[in-house]
Protein backbone atom coordinates (compact mmCIF):
# COMPACT_ATOMS: atom_id res chain seq x y z
CA MET A 1 93.86 54.08 75.22
CA ILE A 2 92.52 50.84 77.24
CA ILE A 3 93.37 50.05 80.71
CA ALA A 4 91.97 47.61 82.24
CA ILE A 5 92.14 46.64 86.62
CA ASP A 6 90.56 42.80 87.21
CA GLY A 7 90.16 41.34 90.67
CA PRO A 8 87.65 40.13 93.29
CA ALA A 9 85.07 42.08 95.58
CA GLY A 10 86.72 44.61 98.03
CA THR A 11 89.91 45.38 96.19
CA GLY A 12 89.19 48.87 95.37
CA LYS A 13 88.94 48.18 91.78
CA SER A 14 85.72 50.08 91.08
CA THR A 15 87.13 53.28 93.43
CA VAL A 16 90.69 53.18 91.69
CA ALA A 17 89.19 52.89 88.64
CA LYS A 18 87.16 56.20 88.71
CA ILE A 19 89.67 58.04 89.86
CA ILE A 20 91.83 56.45 87.18
CA ALA A 21 89.97 57.55 84.53
CA GLN A 22 88.56 60.86 85.71
CA HIS A 23 92.80 61.62 86.32
CA TYR A 24 93.22 60.46 82.70
CA GLY A 25 90.04 62.56 81.67
CA ILE A 26 88.48 59.38 79.77
CA VAL A 27 85.64 57.00 80.45
CA PHE A 28 84.78 54.42 83.32
CA LEU A 29 83.14 51.31 82.43
CA ASN A 30 82.36 48.79 85.19
CA SER A 31 81.16 45.17 83.38
CA GLY A 32 80.02 44.17 86.98
CA SER A 33 77.52 46.62 86.99
CA PHE A 34 76.46 45.84 83.54
CA TYR A 35 75.34 42.59 84.90
CA ARG A 36 73.89 43.53 87.48
CA ALA A 37 71.49 45.95 85.33
CA ILE A 38 70.92 43.29 83.61
CA THR A 39 69.95 40.84 86.86
CA LEU A 40 67.69 43.99 88.18
CA ALA A 41 65.74 43.99 85.10
CA LEU A 42 65.53 40.28 84.55
CA LEU A 43 64.21 40.46 88.56
CA ARG A 44 61.40 43.29 87.66
CA ALA A 45 60.34 40.97 84.95
CA GLU A 46 60.34 37.80 87.15
CA LYS A 47 62.08 36.34 84.34
CA ASP A 48 63.44 32.56 85.26
CA LEU A 49 67.17 32.68 85.61
CA SER A 50 68.20 28.93 84.57
CA ASN A 51 66.20 29.66 80.68
CA VAL A 52 69.38 30.66 78.81
CA ASP A 53 67.44 31.63 75.69
CA ASP A 54 65.07 33.69 77.36
CA VAL A 55 67.80 35.83 79.60
CA CYS A 56 69.52 36.27 76.33
CA ASN A 57 66.61 37.41 74.12
CA PHE A 58 65.50 39.92 76.61
CA ALA A 59 68.68 41.39 77.62
CA SER A 60 69.53 41.92 74.33
CA GLU A 61 66.51 44.24 73.99
CA LEU A 62 67.62 46.34 77.21
CA LYS A 63 69.41 49.87 76.43
CA MET A 64 72.27 50.20 78.95
CA GLU A 65 74.27 53.64 78.88
CA TYR A 66 77.01 54.71 81.16
CA VAL A 67 76.51 58.16 82.48
CA ASN A 68 78.90 59.98 84.43
CA GLY A 69 80.12 56.45 86.02
CA ARG A 70 76.64 55.65 86.51
CA VAL A 71 74.17 52.89 84.61
CA VAL A 72 71.18 54.10 83.23
CA LEU A 73 68.99 51.13 82.65
CA ASN A 74 66.00 52.33 79.98
CA ASP A 75 66.54 55.88 80.84
CA GLU A 76 66.34 54.95 84.19
CA ASP A 77 69.70 55.90 86.39
CA VAL A 78 70.10 52.43 88.47
CA GLU A 79 73.45 52.95 90.15
CA ASP A 80 72.13 53.14 93.38
CA LEU A 81 69.83 49.98 93.07
CA LEU A 82 72.58 47.35 91.94
CA HIS A 83 74.33 46.32 95.43
CA SER A 84 71.09 44.76 97.21
CA PRO A 85 71.75 41.36 98.75
CA GLU A 86 69.54 39.77 95.97
CA ILE A 87 71.11 41.35 93.31
CA ASP A 88 74.81 40.09 94.81
CA LEU A 89 73.17 36.97 94.92
CA ASN A 90 71.84 36.67 91.34
CA ALA A 91 74.50 38.42 89.72
CA SER A 92 77.27 36.06 89.27
CA LYS A 93 74.36 33.34 88.26
CA VAL A 94 73.38 36.04 85.25
CA SER A 95 76.93 36.67 84.22
CA SER A 96 77.80 33.00 84.07
CA ILE A 97 75.64 32.67 81.14
CA VAL A 98 78.11 32.24 78.20
CA PRO A 99 75.93 33.92 75.50
CA LEU A 100 74.92 36.41 77.54
CA ARG A 101 78.62 37.62 78.27
CA ASP A 102 79.21 37.46 74.51
CA ILE A 103 76.04 40.43 74.47
CA VAL A 104 77.56 42.65 77.33
CA ASN A 105 81.11 42.04 75.93
CA LYS A 106 80.56 43.79 72.52
CA LYS A 107 79.03 46.33 74.31
CA LEU A 108 82.04 46.73 76.48
CA ARG A 109 83.76 46.77 73.30
CA LYS A 110 81.37 48.51 71.09
CA ILE A 111 81.94 51.73 73.43
CA ALA A 112 86.16 51.03 73.75
CA GLN A 113 86.08 51.78 69.96
CA ARG A 114 84.89 55.12 70.39
CA GLU A 115 86.45 56.01 73.61
CA SER A 116 89.45 55.69 75.54
CA ILE A 117 88.62 53.94 78.98
CA VAL A 118 89.57 52.30 82.26
CA CYS A 119 87.34 49.30 82.79
CA GLU A 120 87.16 47.18 85.43
CA GLY A 121 85.60 43.45 86.36
CA ARG A 122 86.67 39.92 86.42
CA ASP A 123 87.96 39.12 83.03
CA MET A 124 88.47 42.18 81.58
CA THR A 125 91.78 41.90 80.87
CA THR A 126 91.95 37.80 80.01
CA VAL A 127 88.97 37.98 77.68
CA VAL A 128 86.76 40.93 77.13
CA PHE A 129 90.48 43.28 76.20
CA PRO A 130 92.99 40.85 76.55
CA ASN A 131 94.90 42.96 74.48
CA ALA A 132 94.64 46.21 76.52
CA ASP A 133 97.23 48.57 76.62
CA TYR A 134 97.69 48.27 80.64
CA LYS A 135 96.14 45.40 82.96
CA PHE A 136 96.02 45.82 86.47
CA TYR A 137 95.05 42.73 88.76
CA LEU A 138 93.51 44.11 92.52
CA ASP A 139 93.75 41.52 95.17
CA ALA A 140 93.52 41.95 98.78
CA SER A 141 92.44 39.47 101.99
CA ILE A 142 88.84 37.92 102.55
CA ASP A 143 89.13 39.76 105.84
CA VAL A 144 90.01 42.47 104.05
CA GLN A 145 87.42 42.66 101.22
CA ALA A 146 84.57 41.97 103.57
CA MET A 147 85.19 44.59 105.94
CA ARG A 148 85.52 46.92 102.71
CA ARG A 149 82.32 45.97 101.65
CA PHE A 150 80.39 45.99 104.92
CA LYS A 151 81.66 49.73 105.50
CA GLN A 152 80.13 50.58 102.22
CA GLY A 153 76.91 49.81 104.14
CA VAL A 154 74.81 48.75 101.23
CA SER A 155 72.78 46.11 102.96
CA ASN A 156 71.65 44.99 105.92
CA LEU A 157 74.07 41.64 106.02
CA SER A 158 76.74 41.35 109.48
CA TYR A 159 79.95 41.46 108.82
CA GLU A 160 80.16 37.41 108.66
CA GLU A 161 77.12 37.30 106.12
CA VAL A 162 79.22 39.61 103.76
CA LYS A 163 82.03 37.70 104.43
CA ALA A 164 80.25 34.36 103.00
CA GLN A 165 78.97 36.08 100.72
CA ILE A 166 81.87 37.51 98.63
CA ILE A 167 83.45 33.47 99.42
CA GLN A 168 80.65 32.44 97.79
CA ARG A 169 80.77 34.83 94.66
CA ASP A 170 84.55 34.77 94.23
CA LYS A 171 84.06 31.16 94.29
CA MET A 172 81.81 30.63 91.59
CA ASP A 173 83.29 33.37 89.34
CA LYS A 174 86.60 31.47 89.80
CA ALA A 175 84.91 28.63 88.39
CA LYS A 176 83.21 29.69 85.44
CA ILE A 177 83.58 28.15 81.85
CA VAL A 178 84.11 31.57 80.07
CA GLY A 179 85.16 34.75 82.03
CA ALA A 180 86.70 32.95 85.07
CA LEU A 181 88.40 35.07 87.79
CA LYS A 182 91.97 34.56 87.24
CA ILE A 183 95.45 36.96 86.85
CA ALA A 184 96.20 37.74 83.56
CA GLU A 185 100.30 36.39 82.53
CA ASP A 186 100.85 40.06 81.90
CA ALA A 187 98.52 41.68 84.03
CA THR A 188 100.72 43.99 87.05
CA TYR A 189 99.45 42.18 90.43
CA ILE A 190 98.43 44.64 93.15
CA ASP A 191 98.05 43.05 96.82
CA THR A 192 95.75 46.65 98.12
CA SER A 193 95.70 45.10 102.00
CA ASP A 194 97.23 47.45 103.51
CA LEU A 195 97.62 50.08 100.68
CA THR A 196 95.55 53.44 100.72
CA ILE A 197 93.55 53.98 97.31
CA GLU A 198 96.28 56.86 96.81
CA GLN A 199 98.98 54.35 97.01
CA VAL A 200 97.01 51.85 94.58
CA CYS A 201 96.77 54.70 92.16
CA ALA A 202 100.25 56.06 92.49
CA ILE A 203 101.36 52.30 91.62
CA ILE A 204 99.45 52.32 88.27
CA TYR A 205 100.14 55.92 87.57
CA ASN A 206 104.10 54.83 88.08
CA LYS A 207 103.15 51.65 85.42
CA ILE A 208 101.56 53.61 82.71
CA HIS A 209 104.42 56.39 82.45
CA SER A 210 107.77 54.05 83.49
């Protein structure tokens, strides 16, 4: 079974996906974390992010795994390092590289071949798993998105700076040539602005069991 969830930042995708995965006892995958981990590795290696061939060759050699819902990069748990302002600013650029998306998508599909999964990201329902058993698109007002991300306390940015960064990233993600952030025609749309995590999960459970 493949449950695919898309949507912008601060809509509760990761939290909801983890709960859904735990509920059904299946694997949770966050595609964004893969790109963030690659971005971390590229920055550590001081790679030129504009050199597509170098970026893709470098990324193809990286060992990336998901263990208990956490990203392990070359045998190092890097989950707690993936939401710094520097990663936030560069991850969207990195994920815009079309050949790199092919590399990551193949890794995700390979995992899905042997496991039932809940995956979340920006193009899970449209590009990576267009034939997913269940598709959902989570959304929220920009103010709610920014406040949720701000309250996570993963950076030292002010609320207004977080809001501006989310607006910039969503604009970039919606303009991607491949893997753009958009709502799949057959996805269930859920506005989470005024909903609790439990209420969002309930909507998903009801859809799966309807």
